[in-house]
Amino acid sequence: MFSMISPSAPSAAKTEPAVLEHNIRFNVWHGTFSALALNSVNPFLGIYAIKLGASAFEVALLNALPALATVIVLLPGASWVEHQREKKIAAAIALAANRIFFLALAAVPWAPPGWRAVAVVSLVGLMNLPGAVFNVAWQAFIATILPAERRSRALARRSRYVNVAATVITLLAGRAIDLIGFPRGYQVIFLCGFILAVVELAVFMQLVEQGSPQQKPTPERPSWGHFLRGSPVFRRFVGASILFYFAWQVPWPIFTQYQVSYLHATNAWMAAFTVSSTMMAAVSYDMWSRLSRRWTNAWALTLAVLGLATVPFAYMLRPGLLPLTLFNAFVGVASAGIDLQMLNTLLEVVPTRERATYLAYHGLGVAITGVIAPVVGSALYDLGGYALAFGVDGLLRVASVAVYALFALGQSGSVPGRSRSTRSIGLCYPGERYER
């Protein structure tokens, strides 16, 4: 993999194929270091907060505040990105602002004892303000440097390395924290995460934004009226995504509870669930890339969503720990398809003009489901236990499959296998991992 690094970034004035190959290589490198940095910190925030005295409510806020931060910042953040002449610089600023919080999290044990848990929860919420802006800026930037005909394979290559890096660093960091002890273990690993983030930023800056930036017309201020006047194809995709993400997030509060309290899973079994899913995802990206070129991105996404729709029904069968571990390998394959094809399909249907703004509309719809869906899941569990919660969620996921299938049919005008090309839809064609 180290052969992918070149001594310097090629000038945008060089031949376009050379710039493209350079960007594909460094996009993989950026994804790898991003996974290393993020997974040195994010998987451990919950237990870190608990060890620092967080209550159950404060732990719940660790999940709710990032979604709320996204809702607050996404539209104004997208407007700021749209007004920047270079999307790479906008993304880099947001990236640096997000990763600097790793140092602040490492310093929390030096705060007064009564404020430590509050500090962790507050920092996690605040760090997601620039984090949400970076996600939009990155998506808008990546759509400009990777042409549609190369994007699926390039992102599949990136995702493969991302999954391997995320798995390895999570296992190594978790073991290191246990060996070093509390709280110094967390401080050391969070500091390592920040150092990896510095490397991530340096690698990201090696990407080349082709073409000289030009002064563009001032984009319209983002608003729901602006969204409703936009492309109907894009609006249909946003509607399908909102239903899918809502269905995907409904059982979040009870999956871990089911695994630990009902199946009595140990830490070793929980690690086995993650590794079986992640490793199968890593080897599945190329398959999904080939399938999208044969079927179109929208049909490949529909198939992946169908795979994930089986999860609640499988849990209703109350499998043991070993069958669940094996089933999670299948979930990893479906997750890889959603991870890859959700972004590919989104970039395919988003209007080229004001791309960051429309990406923000999609992200905002998804973020709102992140606030509401877990509450609905908890309410369903309180009403009827695991059976009701999983049953209702299974039906919602089946409905999301049907909606995506209708969207894909409208896109291609045919069922999978009958056409290998994507029909024009009247738009300029610009080009977390999903578990459970």
Protein backbone atom coordinates (compact mmCIF):
# COMPACT_ATOMS: atom_id res chain seq x y z
CA MET A 1 0.00 0.00 0.00
CA PHE A 2 2.90 2.37 0.67
CA SER A 3 3.56 2.37 -3.07
CA MET A 4 0.52 4.59 -3.45
CA ILE A 5 2.39 7.56 -1.97
CA SER A 6 4.10 9.77 -4.51
CA PRO A 7 6.72 12.35 -3.56
CA SER A 8 4.57 15.32 -4.48
CA ALA A 9 1.16 16.19 -5.77
CA PRO A 10 0.96 16.61 -9.53
CA SER A 11 0.02 20.00 -10.84
CA ALA A 12 -3.54 20.39 -12.04
CA ALA A 13 -2.01 21.64 -15.26
CA LYS A 14 -0.64 18.19 -15.99
CA THR A 15 -2.62 15.68 -17.97
CA GLU A 16 -5.98 14.96 -16.42
CA PRO A 17 -5.47 11.15 -16.25
CA ALA A 18 -2.31 11.65 -14.15
CA VAL A 19 -4.17 13.94 -11.76
CA LEU A 20 -7.05 11.49 -11.52
CA GLU A 21 -4.79 8.55 -10.66
CA HIS A 22 -3.03 10.69 -8.08
CA ASN A 23 -6.36 11.66 -6.49
CA ILE A 24 -7.57 8.06 -6.42
CA ARG A 25 -4.40 6.97 -4.58
CA PHE A 26 -4.49 9.78 -2.06
CA ASN A 27 -8.21 9.39 -1.52
CA VAL A 28 -7.46 5.86 -0.35
CA TRP A 29 -4.70 7.13 1.91
CA HIS A 30 -6.93 9.83 3.35
CA GLY A 31 -9.67 7.29 4.10
CA THR A 32 -7.17 5.00 5.80
CA PHE A 33 -5.73 7.67 8.09
CA SER A 34 -9.22 9.03 8.76
CA ALA A 35 -10.31 5.57 9.93
CA LEU A 36 -7.20 5.26 12.11
CA ALA A 37 -7.76 8.65 13.72
CA LEU A 38 -11.51 8.36 14.27
CA ASN A 39 -11.41 4.79 15.57
CA SER A 40 -8.75 5.70 18.08
CA VAL A 41 -11.38 7.87 19.77
CA ASN A 42 -15.02 7.27 18.81
CA PRO A 43 -15.47 3.61 19.90
CA PHE A 44 -14.32 4.44 23.42
CA LEU A 45 -16.25 7.63 24.17
CA GLY A 46 -19.18 5.89 25.85
CA ILE A 47 -17.16 3.86 28.34
CA TYR A 48 -14.81 6.84 28.83
CA ALA A 49 -17.78 8.99 29.88
CA ILE A 50 -19.10 6.25 32.20
CA LYS A 51 -15.74 5.84 33.90
CA LEU A 52 -15.67 9.60 34.43
CA GLY A 53 -19.03 9.42 36.20
CA ALA A 54 -21.61 9.98 33.44
CA SER A 55 -25.21 9.13 34.26
CA ALA A 56 -27.49 7.11 31.99
CA PHE A 57 -29.01 10.35 30.70
CA GLU A 58 -25.58 11.79 29.92
CA VAL A 59 -24.61 8.61 28.06
CA ALA A 60 -27.81 8.92 26.02
CA LEU A 61 -26.81 12.48 25.16
CA LEU A 62 -23.61 11.12 23.59
CA ASN A 63 -25.84 9.69 20.85
CA ALA A 64 -28.40 12.49 20.68
CA LEU A 65 -26.14 15.56 20.70
CA PRO A 66 -24.17 14.70 17.52
CA ALA A 67 -27.44 14.35 15.59
CA LEU A 68 -28.74 17.58 17.11
CA ALA A 69 -25.49 19.38 16.24
CA THR A 70 -25.87 18.19 12.65
CA VAL A 71 -29.42 19.54 12.48
CA ILE A 72 -28.26 22.93 13.78
CA VAL A 73 -25.19 23.44 11.62
CA LEU A 74 -25.82 21.63 8.36
CA LEU A 75 -27.66 24.26 6.30
CA PRO A 76 -25.57 27.28 7.38
CA GLY A 77 -22.46 25.12 7.05
CA ALA A 78 -23.42 24.10 3.53
CA SER A 79 -24.04 27.75 2.64
CA TRP A 80 -20.53 28.59 3.88
CA VAL A 81 -19.05 25.75 1.80
CA GLU A 82 -20.91 26.94 -1.30
CA HIS A 83 -19.38 30.41 -0.95
CA GLN A 84 -15.82 29.05 -0.78
CA ARG A 85 -13.91 29.15 -4.05
CA GLU A 86 -11.97 25.98 -3.18
CA LYS A 87 -13.94 23.11 -1.63
CA LYS A 88 -10.71 21.41 -0.51
CA ILE A 89 -9.76 24.35 1.71
CA ALA A 90 -13.26 24.48 3.22
CA ALA A 91 -13.12 20.75 3.96
CA ALA A 92 -9.63 21.03 5.45
CA ILE A 93 -10.68 23.84 7.81
CA ALA A 94 -13.67 21.84 9.05
CA LEU A 95 -11.53 18.69 9.37
CA ALA A 96 -8.92 20.46 11.51
CA ALA A 97 -11.61 22.08 13.68
CA ASN A 98 -13.17 18.67 14.33
CA ARG A 99 -9.99 16.75 15.12
CA ILE A 100 -8.61 19.37 17.56
CA PHE A 101 -11.29 18.19 19.99
CA PHE A 102 -9.34 14.94 20.42
CA LEU A 103 -6.82 16.88 22.52
CA ALA A 104 -9.61 18.46 24.57
CA LEU A 105 -11.10 15.02 25.28
CA ALA A 106 -7.70 13.76 26.41
CA ALA A 107 -7.45 16.66 28.89
CA VAL A 108 -10.83 16.00 30.59
CA PRO A 109 -9.40 13.91 33.50
CA TRP A 110 -7.56 17.05 34.65
CA ALA A 111 -10.87 18.92 35.06
CA PRO A 112 -12.64 19.09 38.46
CA PRO A 113 -14.31 15.70 39.17
CA GLY A 114 -17.85 17.06 39.13
CA TRP A 115 -17.43 18.49 35.63
CA ARG A 116 -15.67 15.64 33.85
CA ALA A 117 -18.70 13.75 32.54
CA VAL A 118 -20.40 16.99 31.48
CA ALA A 119 -17.20 18.03 29.71
CA VAL A 120 -17.04 14.79 27.69
CA VAL A 121 -20.68 15.05 26.61
CA SER A 122 -20.34 18.73 25.74
CA LEU A 123 -17.13 18.22 23.76
CA VAL A 124 -18.64 15.36 21.78
CA GLY A 125 -21.60 17.56 20.85
CA LEU A 126 -19.42 20.52 19.92
CA MET A 127 -16.94 18.51 17.85
CA ASN A 128 -19.77 17.37 15.61
CA LEU A 129 -20.50 20.94 14.52
CA PRO A 130 -17.37 21.13 12.31
CA GLY A 131 -17.64 17.38 11.73
CA ALA A 132 -21.00 17.74 9.99
CA VAL A 133 -19.66 20.59 7.85
CA PHE A 134 -16.65 18.48 6.87
CA ASN A 135 -18.89 15.61 5.73
CA VAL A 136 -20.79 17.91 3.36
CA ALA A 137 -17.63 19.62 2.12
CA TRP A 138 -15.91 16.27 1.54
CA GLN A 139 -18.84 14.86 -0.42
CA ALA A 140 -19.01 17.98 -2.59
CA PHE A 141 -15.25 17.92 -3.13
CA ILE A 142 -15.04 14.20 -3.92
CA ALA A 143 -17.76 14.60 -6.54
CA THR A 144 -15.56 17.11 -8.38
CA ILE A 145 -12.31 15.10 -8.35
CA LEU A 146 -13.70 11.63 -9.13
CA PRO A 147 -15.66 11.37 -12.40
CA ALA A 148 -18.82 9.28 -12.32
CA GLU A 149 -17.37 6.47 -14.45
CA ARG A 150 -14.49 5.93 -12.00
CA ARG A 151 -16.18 6.83 -8.74
CA SER A 152 -17.67 3.46 -7.77
CA ARG A 153 -14.39 1.56 -8.12
CA ALA A 154 -12.39 4.37 -6.47
CA LEU A 155 -14.70 4.55 -3.46
CA ALA A 156 -14.81 0.75 -3.19
CA ARG A 157 -11.03 0.70 -3.02
CA ARG A 158 -11.05 3.39 -0.34
CA SER A 159 -13.75 1.64 1.70
CA ARG A 160 -11.87 -1.66 1.65
CA TYR A 161 -8.84 -0.09 3.32
CA VAL A 162 -11.03 1.96 5.66
CA ASN A 163 -12.70 -1.17 7.06
CA VAL A 164 -9.44 -3.00 7.62
CA ALA A 165 -7.83 0.04 9.26
CA ALA A 166 -10.86 0.66 11.48
CA THR A 167 -10.93 -2.95 12.69
CA VAL A 168 -7.20 -3.13 13.41
CA ILE A 169 -6.93 0.21 15.22
CA THR A 170 -10.04 -0.47 17.34
CA LEU A 171 -8.66 -3.80 18.55
CA LEU A 172 -5.17 -2.41 19.18
CA ALA A 173 -6.39 0.77 20.86
CA GLY A 174 -8.80 -1.12 23.11
CA ARG A 175 -6.05 -3.50 24.21
CA ALA A 176 -3.65 -0.61 24.83
CA ILE A 177 -6.20 1.22 26.98
CA ASP A 178 -6.66 -1.89 29.11
CA LEU A 179 -2.91 -2.36 29.53
CA ILE A 180 -2.11 1.27 30.38
CA GLY A 181 -5.10 1.71 32.68
CA PHE A 182 -7.58 4.46 33.46
CA PRO A 183 -7.44 7.36 32.76
CA ARG A 184 -3.97 7.52 31.25
CA GLY A 185 -4.76 4.84 28.70
CA TYR A 186 -7.53 6.93 27.18
CA GLN A 187 -5.35 10.04 27.23
CA VAL A 188 -2.50 8.28 25.40
CA ILE A 189 -4.77 6.78 22.75
CA PHE A 190 -6.67 10.04 22.18
CA LEU A 191 -3.32 11.81 21.76
CA CYS A 192 -2.31 9.15 19.22
CA GLY A 193 -5.63 9.76 17.46
CA PHE A 194 -4.81 13.46 17.19
CA ILE A 195 -1.36 12.69 15.76
CA LEU A 196 -2.96 10.39 13.19
CA ALA A 197 -5.43 13.19 12.40
CA VAL A 198 -2.53 15.55 11.66
CA VAL A 199 -1.22 12.98 9.16
CA GLU A 200 -4.76 12.63 7.80
CA LEU A 201 -4.96 16.36 7.17
CA ALA A 202 -1.54 16.40 5.48
CA VAL A 203 -2.60 13.56 3.18
CA PHE A 204 -5.93 15.25 2.41
CA MET A 205 -4.10 18.39 1.30
CA GLN A 206 -2.28 16.31 -1.33
CA LEU A 207 -5.54 15.87 -3.24
CA VAL A 208 -5.74 18.09 -6.33
CA GLU A 209 -8.81 20.21 -7.03
CA GLN A 210 -8.68 20.34 -10.80
CA GLY A 211 -9.26 23.55 -12.70
CA SER A 212 -8.67 27.07 -11.54
CA PRO A 213 -11.27 28.33 -9.09
CA GLN A 214 -13.62 30.88 -10.60
CA GLN A 215 -15.97 33.31 -9.00
CA LYS A 216 -19.38 31.67 -9.04
CA PRO A 217 -22.78 33.34 -8.71
CA THR A 218 -23.91 33.71 -5.13
CA PRO A 219 -26.00 30.59 -4.40
CA GLU A 220 -29.50 30.91 -3.08
CA ARG A 221 -29.72 30.76 0.69
CA PRO A 222 -30.63 27.22 1.79
CA SER A 223 -34.23 26.83 2.90
CA TRP A 224 -36.97 24.24 2.71
CA GLY A 225 -38.64 26.34 0.01
CA HIS A 226 -35.40 26.18 -1.94
CA PHE A 227 -35.37 22.40 -1.46
CA LEU A 228 -38.98 22.00 -2.60
CA ARG A 229 -38.28 23.95 -5.77
CA GLY A 230 -35.37 21.66 -6.59
CA SER A 231 -35.14 18.46 -8.60
CA PRO A 232 -38.06 16.03 -8.05
CA VAL A 233 -35.68 13.10 -8.56
CA PHE A 234 -33.50 14.36 -5.72
CA ARG A 235 -36.53 14.92 -3.49
CA ARG A 236 -37.69 11.33 -4.08
CA PHE A 237 -34.26 10.04 -3.12
CA VAL A 238 -34.25 12.14 0.07
CA GLY A 239 -37.68 10.74 0.97
CA ALA A 240 -36.48 7.17 0.44
CA SER A 241 -33.37 7.83 2.52
CA ILE A 242 -35.35 9.31 5.41
CA LEU A 243 -37.53 6.18 5.57
CA PHE A 244 -34.50 3.88 5.39
CA TYR A 245 -32.46 5.70 8.03
CA PHE A 246 -35.47 5.92 10.32
CA ALA A 247 -36.04 2.17 10.04
CA TRP A 248 -32.33 1.47 10.46
CA GLN A 249 -32.04 3.56 13.64
CA VAL A 250 -35.27 2.53 15.43
CA PRO A 251 -33.76 -0.55 17.16
CA TRP A 252 -30.45 1.08 18.12
CA PRO A 253 -31.33 1.43 21.84
CA ILE A 254 -32.23 -2.25 22.20
CA PHE A 255 -29.79 -4.18 19.99
CA THR A 256 -26.92 -4.05 22.48
CA GLN A 257 -29.31 -4.63 25.37
CA TYR A 258 -30.62 -7.73 23.57
CA GLN A 259 -27.14 -9.07 22.92
CA VAL A 260 -25.85 -8.50 26.44
CA SER A 261 -28.92 -8.99 28.65
CA TYR A 262 -30.80 -11.68 26.71
CA LEU A 263 -27.99 -13.56 24.94
CA HIS A 264 -25.42 -12.86 27.69
CA ALA A 265 -22.72 -11.85 25.22
CA THR A 266 -19.29 -11.22 26.72
CA ASN A 267 -16.77 -8.65 25.51
CA ALA A 268 -15.16 -11.38 23.41
CA TRP A 269 -18.48 -12.16 21.71
CA MET A 270 -19.18 -8.47 21.11
CA ALA A 271 -15.78 -8.18 19.45
CA ALA A 272 -16.56 -11.27 17.36
CA PHE A 273 -19.81 -9.66 16.13
CA THR A 274 -17.91 -6.59 14.98
CA VAL A 275 -14.97 -8.39 13.40
CA SER A 276 -17.14 -10.88 11.46
CA SER A 277 -19.19 -8.03 10.00
CA THR A 278 -16.29 -5.68 9.30
CA MET A 279 -14.02 -8.20 7.62
CA MET A 280 -16.78 -9.47 5.32
CA ALA A 281 -17.58 -5.87 4.42
CA ALA A 282 -13.93 -5.26 3.51
CA VAL A 283 -13.92 -8.05 0.93
CA SER A 284 -17.37 -7.16 -0.49
CA TYR A 285 -16.82 -3.66 -1.86
CA ASP A 286 -15.46 -4.80 -5.21
CA MET A 287 -18.49 -7.07 -5.66
CA TRP A 288 -20.86 -4.15 -5.07
CA SER A 289 -18.85 -1.97 -7.44
CA ARG A 290 -19.13 -4.56 -10.22
CA LEU A 291 -22.83 -5.05 -9.50
CA SER A 292 -23.51 -1.32 -9.75
CA ARG A 293 -21.85 -1.17 -13.16
CA ARG A 294 -24.08 -4.03 -14.32
CA TRP A 295 -27.34 -3.02 -12.63
CA THR A 296 -26.92 0.76 -11.88
CA ASN A 297 -26.18 2.26 -8.49
CA ALA A 298 -29.83 2.58 -7.48
CA TRP A 299 -30.62 -1.11 -8.04
CA ALA A 300 -27.45 -2.18 -6.20
CA LEU A 301 -28.49 0.04 -3.29
CA THR A 302 -31.95 -1.55 -3.28
CA LEU A 303 -30.44 -5.03 -3.02
CA ALA A 304 -28.19 -3.94 -0.15
CA VAL A 305 -31.15 -2.43 1.73
CA LEU A 306 -33.02 -5.71 1.22
CA GLY A 307 -30.15 -7.54 2.91
CA LEU A 308 -30.27 -5.23 5.91
CA ALA A 309 -34.06 -5.62 6.12
CA THR A 310 -33.59 -9.23 7.25
CA VAL A 311 -31.84 -8.23 10.49
CA PRO A 312 -34.85 -7.55 12.78
CA PHE A 313 -36.58 -10.73 11.59
CA ALA A 314 -33.43 -12.73 12.34
CA TYR A 315 -33.32 -11.29 15.85
CA MET A 316 -36.98 -12.25 16.34
CA LEU A 317 -35.91 -15.88 15.89
CA ARG A 318 -33.73 -15.44 19.00
CA PRO A 319 -30.57 -17.02 17.64
CA GLY A 320 -27.65 -18.02 19.84
CA LEU A 321 -24.34 -16.24 19.96
CA LEU A 322 -22.61 -18.38 17.31
CA PRO A 323 -25.46 -18.15 14.74
CA LEU A 324 -25.63 -14.42 15.37
CA THR A 325 -21.90 -14.07 14.76
CA LEU A 326 -22.21 -15.96 11.46
CA PHE A 327 -25.26 -13.89 10.49
CA ASN A 328 -23.29 -10.71 11.17
CA ALA A 329 -20.93 -11.74 8.37
CA PHE A 330 -23.89 -11.55 5.98
CA VAL A 331 -24.87 -8.20 7.53
CA GLY A 332 -21.36 -6.97 6.76
CA VAL A 333 -21.85 -7.74 3.07
CA ALA A 334 -25.13 -5.80 2.99
CA SER A 335 -23.57 -2.96 5.00
CA ALA A 336 -20.76 -2.64 2.47
CA GLY A 337 -23.30 -2.27 -0.32
CA ILE A 338 -25.19 0.48 1.50
CA ASP A 339 -21.97 2.23 2.50
CA LEU A 340 -20.80 2.37 -1.12
CA GLN A 341 -24.02 2.71 -3.10
CA MET A 342 -25.75 5.23 -0.84
CA LEU A 343 -23.01 7.76 -1.59
CA ASN A 344 -22.73 6.81 -5.27
CA THR A 345 -26.48 7.14 -5.82
CA LEU A 346 -26.65 10.38 -3.87
CA LEU A 347 -23.87 11.97 -5.91
CA GLU A 348 -25.54 10.71 -9.09
CA VAL A 349 -28.85 12.47 -8.42
CA VAL A 350 -27.74 15.62 -6.60
CA PRO A 351 -27.79 18.72 -8.84
CA THR A 352 -24.31 19.88 -9.79
CA ARG A 353 -25.08 23.53 -9.10
CA GLU A 354 -25.13 24.21 -5.35
CA ARG A 355 -24.06 20.63 -4.73
CA ALA A 356 -23.03 21.21 -1.11
CA THR A 357 -26.41 22.75 -0.30
CA TYR A 358 -28.33 19.79 -1.68
CA LEU A 359 -26.03 17.34 0.07
CA ALA A 360 -26.87 19.21 3.26
CA TYR A 361 -30.61 18.74 2.62
CA HIS A 362 -30.05 15.00 2.45
CA GLY A 363 -27.83 15.02 5.53
CA LEU A 364 -30.33 17.11 7.48
CA GLY A 365 -33.15 14.69 6.75
CA VAL A 366 -30.98 11.80 7.92
CA ALA A 367 -29.90 13.70 11.06
CA ILE A 368 -33.50 14.37 12.08
CA THR A 369 -34.23 10.64 11.97
CA GLY A 370 -31.24 10.14 14.27
CA VAL A 371 -32.96 12.27 16.91
CA ILE A 372 -36.42 10.70 16.58
CA ALA A 373 -35.90 7.03 15.68
CA PRO A 374 -34.16 5.82 18.89
CA VAL A 375 -36.97 7.38 20.95
CA VAL A 376 -39.53 5.46 18.89
CA GLY A 377 -37.52 2.26 19.34
CA SER A 378 -37.45 2.66 23.12
CA ALA A 379 -41.20 3.34 23.18
CA LEU A 380 -41.93 0.21 21.13
CA TYR A 381 -39.80 -1.87 23.49
CA ASP A 382 -41.63 -0.46 26.51
CA LEU A 383 -44.97 -1.31 24.89
CA GLY A 384 -44.29 -4.85 23.72
CA GLY A 385 -40.72 -5.92 24.34
CA TYR A 386 -38.26 -7.20 21.76
CA ALA A 387 -40.90 -8.90 19.59
CA LEU A 388 -42.91 -5.72 18.94
CA ALA A 389 -39.86 -3.51 18.43
CA PHE A 390 -38.17 -5.89 15.98
CA GLY A 391 -41.43 -6.71 14.20
CA VAL A 392 -42.39 -3.09 13.55
CA ASP A 393 -38.84 -2.24 12.53
CA GLY A 394 -38.76 -5.18 10.12
CA LEU A 395 -41.91 -3.93 8.39
CA LEU A 396 -40.44 -0.42 8.14
CA ARG A 397 -37.30 -1.83 6.54
CA VAL A 398 -39.33 -3.83 4.02
CA ALA A 399 -41.20 -0.63 3.16
CA SER A 400 -37.88 1.15 2.59
CA VAL A 401 -36.84 -1.63 0.19
CA ALA A 402 -40.04 -1.09 -1.80
CA VAL A 403 -39.50 2.68 -1.93
CA TYR A 404 -35.92 2.31 -3.13
CA ALA A 405 -37.04 -0.24 -5.75
CA LEU A 406 -39.60 2.24 -7.08
CA PHE A 407 -36.92 4.93 -7.16
CA ALA A 408 -34.50 2.62 -9.01
CA LEU A 409 -37.21 1.67 -11.51
CA GLY A 410 -37.91 5.32 -12.18
CA GLN A 411 -34.19 5.94 -12.67
CA SER A 412 -33.41 3.12 -15.09
CA GLY A 413 -36.81 2.39 -16.59
CA SER A 414 -36.15 -1.34 -16.27
CA VAL A 415 -35.60 -4.11 -13.75
CA PRO A 416 -32.02 -5.23 -12.94
CA GLY A 417 -30.21 -7.12 -15.65
CA ARG A 418 -32.20 -5.69 -18.56
CA SER A 419 -30.07 -2.59 -18.97
CA ARG A 420 -26.43 -1.93 -18.17
CA SER A 421 -26.62 1.83 -18.53
CA THR A 422 -28.30 4.58 -16.55
CA ARG A 423 -30.95 6.53 -18.36
CA SER A 424 -30.65 10.29 -18.29
CA ILE A 425 -32.84 11.85 -15.62
CA GLY A 426 -32.53 15.47 -16.67
CA LEU A 427 -29.77 16.41 -14.22
CA CYS A 428 -26.10 17.21 -14.54
CA TYR A 429 -24.41 13.92 -13.70
CA PRO A 430 -21.78 14.79 -11.11
CA GLY A 431 -20.93 11.74 -9.77
CA GLU A 432 -20.24 4.99 9.92
CA ARG A 433 -20.45 1.57 7.99
CA TYR A 434 -24.03 0.39 8.30
CA GLU A 435 -24.54 -2.25 10.93
CA ARG A 436 -27.67 -4.03 12.12
